Amino acid sequence: MSEESVIAQMERLAEQARTAARATAMANTDQKNRALINAAQFIRKRAEHILAINAAEISKARARGKGAAFLDRMSLNEQRIESIATALEEIARLADPVGASIKKWVRPNGLEIERVRTPIGVIAIIYESRPNVTVDAAAIAVKAGNAVILRGGSECIKTSKALFDCFHEALGVAGLPDGAAQFVETPDRAAVGALLSGLGGRIDLLIPRGGKSLVARVQAEARVPVLSHLDGNCHVYVDRDADPQKALEITVNSKMRRTGVCGAAETLLIDQAVVDKLWPAIASALREAGCELRGDAALYALDPQVALASDEDFHTEYLAPILSVAVVAGVAGAIAHIATFSSSHTESIVTENAETAKRFLAEVDSAIVMHNASTQFADGGEFGLGAEIGIATGRLHARGPAGVEELTTYKNIVRGSGQVRP
């Protein structure tokens, strides 16, 4: 397909989305919820078909030399299919944000002012190898009253399309317009360029979900607002007042539960006051789980079995069973290290000292800051949002797991009784 043809196709999708957005914005809650529940049922019924398509795509990706973390992200199984369906049902149970009152006040002249949540409009989501994003993104966007255009990664495009077909059919059954959710079937990169252009003002928001190169391209080229998710360079800090068993379990779970997710810990920080006491057991558990360890000079002096870490290691989101480890001078040292190396995604402190935890939670400026919990809870579902559109690591509009509320804006409604301005 020529670039001109791809652009023309994208313009048609955008025009259909713009038309559908007006109807979706006015759809009632029951209609939207019915679409999500029906989509969950369709996905369960077609699970065997979806898994067969996914297995074929995984085989091709493996033959092309894709790594374990990449293959894990694109892989589906019965449990993950069920999780996708369950997420749809959980989103359906969430309160509808559209029309919700945020704030009301009355001016001295009697004007009544109210801020009310409204859909953003047309949202384009560009993502890579996670097929579940197809359904999560579509469901959150539609529940928030938006129209959505989905462009998934080429390696998993058939799996994503099979999931999308279930969702799209459910929209029709619920009486929502076809253009409320659309899927870009061409793998041509010109389609991404067209979305980044904003397609003549028809796209209101772009959301990239993927690696550095995708996010960097979107941020550099987009002509519309971007809600982006950067690296998940997440930290666990084990404080001098940490419970040893909690420290061990939280560290291993944060790193090794699923190494390919953005909430996986990539750096462990240990207070120099307890590193001699706590490191042997933590190191043994991590090695037993198959984790490669890279430590700073202080840790290397204690444990020469670790590889010597560089500054680059501490900046790296491995998405693999590799962990960088640094010995720090208490909570102040941990905060300073995080400020230098973190991607502002998720950081966790393990301590029984309430004042130390309070300082860490207040001073660490990341989208998600935790106390005595695994960083793997950095997930929209675990936050009770049903699913997420991504983990926003910026400081404007949305921060942390972005769910249905984060895909709305608001308008100001002013009610008067004949007032005129002097």
Foldseek 3Di string as FASTA:
>chain_A
DDLVVLLVVLLVLLVLQQVLLVVLQVDDLVLLLQLLLQLLVLLLVCVVVLQVLLVVLLVVCVVVPDDPLLSVQQHDDPVNSNLLSQLSNLLSPDDQQFQDWDDWDADPVGKIKTKGWTFLEEEEEEEERHLSLLSQVLSQNSSLSYAYEYEYHPSNLVSNVVSVVSSLVSSVVSPRDSSSYYYDNDNDCSNVLSVQACSVVSHAEYEYYYAPVRQVCSVVRHPHHYQYDYALQEEEEEFPAFDLVLVQVQLCCLAQVQLSDSLRHAEYEYEPVCCLPRVVVSVVVLVVSPAQEEEDPVVCVVPVVHHHDDLVSLQDSPSDRYHYYYYAHGLVRVLVSCVVRPLQFEYEYGHPDPVSLVVNVVRRRHLYYYYSHHSVCQFCVSVSQSGASHAGGDDPQDHGGHGNSSSIDIDMDIDDDDDDDD
